[in-house]
Structure formats: structure tokens, C-alpha cells
Amino acid sequence: MEHLARHGVKPEEAEDVVMAARQPYPLERPDAKWLVWGRTPAGRALQVVFVLDDDDTIYVIHARDLTAREKQRYRRRRR
């Protein structure tokens, strides 16, 4: 959670993005990590990286705002 705080992301925001993920997300990454780009209910565009434990519990390990370029790519993917 300390990494979230460094980027000014609240745990609830990261959770909202993960829970509302739509295709093509989540994307599987190396080391059993998953990546999601999405918007919070307030409209904030975030990147969230998380892992799942054996019980499918989500643990957010990284979250930050999307860059301007990433936001453009995200908008194109959603069309």
C-alpha cells in the first residue's frame, strides 16, 4: 500500500479499476502478475498491477496515473 500512497492512489481507487476491468484487461504479465488500465468512478485513469493468491484474493502491488500517451492508447482500445 505504501507504493500506492507514493503515487497518490487510494486503495479503493485501485480496487475499483481492477473490479471493473473490461477486455482486453486484465493482461497477464511475467511473474504471475496482472495489469489493468481503467478509470475510477470519478474518472481518474489508472494503471494497476496486482497478483492473485491461491484463494483468488487480489493484492495490488502497484498503481499510478496513466500518462497522456497511455490515455490515448486506452481510449483507442475501448472503441
C-alpha atoms as a PDB file:
ATOM      1  CA  MET A   1       0.000   0.000   0.000  1.00  0.00           C
ATOM      2  CA  GLU A   2       2.934   2.342   0.536  1.00  0.00           C
ATOM      3  CA  HIS A   3       3.619   2.279  -3.210  1.00  0.00           C
ATOM      4  CA  LEU A   4       0.050   3.406  -3.862  1.00  0.00           C
ATOM      5  CA  ALA A   5       0.489   6.311  -1.473  1.00  0.00           C
ATOM      6  CA  ARG A   6       3.660   7.438  -3.263  1.00  0.00           C
ATOM      7  CA  HIS A   7       1.584   7.838  -6.422  1.00  0.00           C
ATOM      8  CA  GLY A   8      -1.385   9.367  -4.604  1.00  0.00           C
ATOM      9  CA  VAL A   9      -3.659   6.416  -5.377  1.00  0.00           C
ATOM     10  CA  LYS A  10      -6.165   5.323  -2.746  1.00  0.00           C
ATOM     11  CA  PRO A  11      -6.617   1.554  -2.265  1.00  0.00           C
ATOM     12  CA  GLU A  12     -10.316   1.900  -3.134  1.00  0.00           C
ATOM     13  CA  GLU A  13      -9.439   3.526  -6.471  1.00  0.00           C
ATOM     14  CA  ALA A  14      -7.115   0.671  -7.420  1.00  0.00           C
ATOM     15  CA  GLU A  15      -9.718  -1.880  -6.355  1.00  0.00           C
ATOM     16  CA  ASP A  16     -12.420  -0.138  -8.410  1.00  0.00           C
ATOM     17  CA  VAL A  17     -10.248  -0.283 -11.543  1.00  0.00           C
ATOM     18  CA  VAL A  18      -9.465  -3.980 -11.056  1.00  0.00           C
ATOM     19  CA  MET A  19     -13.070  -4.950 -10.353  1.00  0.00           C
ATOM     20  CA  ALA A  20     -14.389  -3.014 -13.374  1.00  0.00           C
ATOM     21  CA  ALA A  21     -11.779  -4.385 -15.822  1.00  0.00           C
ATOM     22  CA  ARG A  22     -13.072  -4.939 -19.346  1.00  0.00           C
ATOM     23  CA  GLN A  23     -11.476  -6.652 -22.332  1.00  0.00           C
ATOM     24  CA  PRO A  24      -8.642  -6.747 -23.152  1.00  0.00           C
ATOM     25  CA  TYR A  25      -7.857  -6.442 -19.446  1.00  0.00           C
ATOM     26  CA  PRO A  26      -6.543  -7.862 -17.251  1.00  0.00           C
ATOM     27  CA  LEU A  27      -3.377  -8.678 -19.160  1.00  0.00           C
ATOM     28  CA  GLU A  28      -1.129 -11.404 -17.776  1.00  0.00           C
ATOM     29  CA  ARG A  29       2.415 -10.205 -17.113  1.00  0.00           C
ATOM     30  CA  PRO A  30       5.601 -12.066 -16.149  1.00  0.00           C
ATOM     31  CA  ASP A  31       5.969 -13.411 -12.602  1.00  0.00           C
ATOM     32  CA  ALA A  32       2.243 -14.198 -12.201  1.00  0.00           C
ATOM     33  CA  LYS A  33       1.289 -10.514 -12.223  1.00  0.00           C
ATOM     34  CA  TRP A  34      -1.748  -8.964 -13.899  1.00  0.00           C
ATOM     35  CA  LEU A  35      -2.097  -5.476 -15.398  1.00  0.00           C
ATOM     36  CA  VAL A  36      -5.240  -3.377 -15.792  1.00  0.00           C
ATOM     37  CA  TRP A  37      -5.826   0.050 -17.265  1.00  0.00           C
ATOM     38  CA  GLY A  38      -9.098   1.666 -16.347  1.00  0.00           C
ATOM     39  CA  ARG A  39     -10.997   4.562 -14.867  1.00  0.00           C
ATOM     40  CA  THR A  40     -12.165   5.072 -11.327  1.00  0.00           C
ATOM     41  CA  PRO A  41     -15.815   6.061 -10.749  1.00  0.00           C
ATOM     42  CA  ALA A  42     -14.528   9.656 -10.510  1.00  0.00           C
ATOM     43  CA  GLY A  43     -12.900   9.335 -13.955  1.00  0.00           C
ATOM     44  CA  ARG A  44      -9.257   9.033 -12.922  1.00  0.00           C
ATOM     45  CA  ALA A  45      -7.316   6.877 -15.429  1.00  0.00           C
ATOM     46  CA  LEU A  46      -5.033   4.391 -13.648  1.00  0.00           C
ATOM     47  CA  GLN A  47      -2.683   1.528 -14.325  1.00  0.00           C
ATOM     48  CA  VAL A  48      -2.923  -1.176 -11.666  1.00  0.00           C
ATOM     49  CA  VAL A  49      -0.669  -4.213 -11.287  1.00  0.00           C
ATOM     50  CA  PHE A  50      -1.822  -6.986  -8.987  1.00  0.00           C
ATOM     51  CA  VAL A  51      -1.248 -10.606  -8.050  1.00  0.00           C
ATOM     52  CA  LEU A  52      -3.705 -13.310  -7.054  1.00  0.00           C
ATOM     53  CA  ASP A  53      -3.154 -15.727  -4.198  1.00  0.00           C
ATOM     54  CA  ASP A  54      -4.342 -19.343  -4.145  1.00  0.00           C
ATOM     55  CA  ASP A  55      -7.800 -18.207  -2.965  1.00  0.00           C
ATOM     56  CA  ASP A  56      -8.073 -15.661  -5.829  1.00  0.00           C
ATOM     57  CA  THR A  57      -7.620 -12.794  -3.384  1.00  0.00           C
ATOM     58  CA  ILE A  58      -6.332  -9.705  -5.190  1.00  0.00           C
ATOM     59  CA  TYR A  59      -3.225  -7.953  -3.879  1.00  0.00           C
ATOM     60  CA  VAL A  60      -2.458  -4.637  -5.556  1.00  0.00           C
ATOM     61  CA  ILE A  61       1.290  -4.144  -5.806  1.00  0.00           C
ATOM     62  CA  HIS A  62       1.439  -1.034  -7.995  1.00  0.00           C
ATOM     63  CA  ALA A  63      -0.887   1.723  -9.164  1.00  0.00           C
ATOM     64  CA  ARG A  64      -0.316   5.031 -10.868  1.00  0.00           C
ATOM     65  CA  ASP A  65      -1.986   7.527 -13.177  1.00  0.00           C
ATOM     66  CA  LEU A  66      -1.801   6.774 -16.887  1.00  0.00           C
ATOM     67  CA  THR A  67       0.463   9.066 -18.877  1.00  0.00           C
ATOM     68  CA  ALA A  68      -1.043  11.246 -21.616  1.00  0.00           C
ATOM     69  CA  ARG A  69       0.179   8.796 -24.269  1.00  0.00           C
ATOM     70  CA  GLU A  70      -1.242   5.817 -22.352  1.00  0.00           C
ATOM     71  CA  LYS A  71      -4.605   7.582 -22.040  1.00  0.00           C
ATOM     72  CA  GLN A  72      -4.696   7.965 -25.842  1.00  0.00           C
ATOM     73  CA  ARG A  73      -3.920   4.260 -26.310  1.00  0.00           C
ATOM     74  CA  TYR A  74      -6.545   3.331 -23.714  1.00  0.00           C
ATOM     75  CA  ARG A  75      -9.221   5.390 -25.485  1.00  0.00           C
ATOM     76  CA  ARG A  76      -8.375   3.736 -28.832  1.00  0.00           C
ATOM     77  CA  ARG A  77      -8.623   0.243 -27.306  1.00  0.00           C
ATOM     78  CA  ARG A  78     -12.049   0.937 -25.848  1.00  0.00           C
ATOM     79  CA  ARG A  79     -13.610   1.807 -29.217  1.00  0.00           C
END
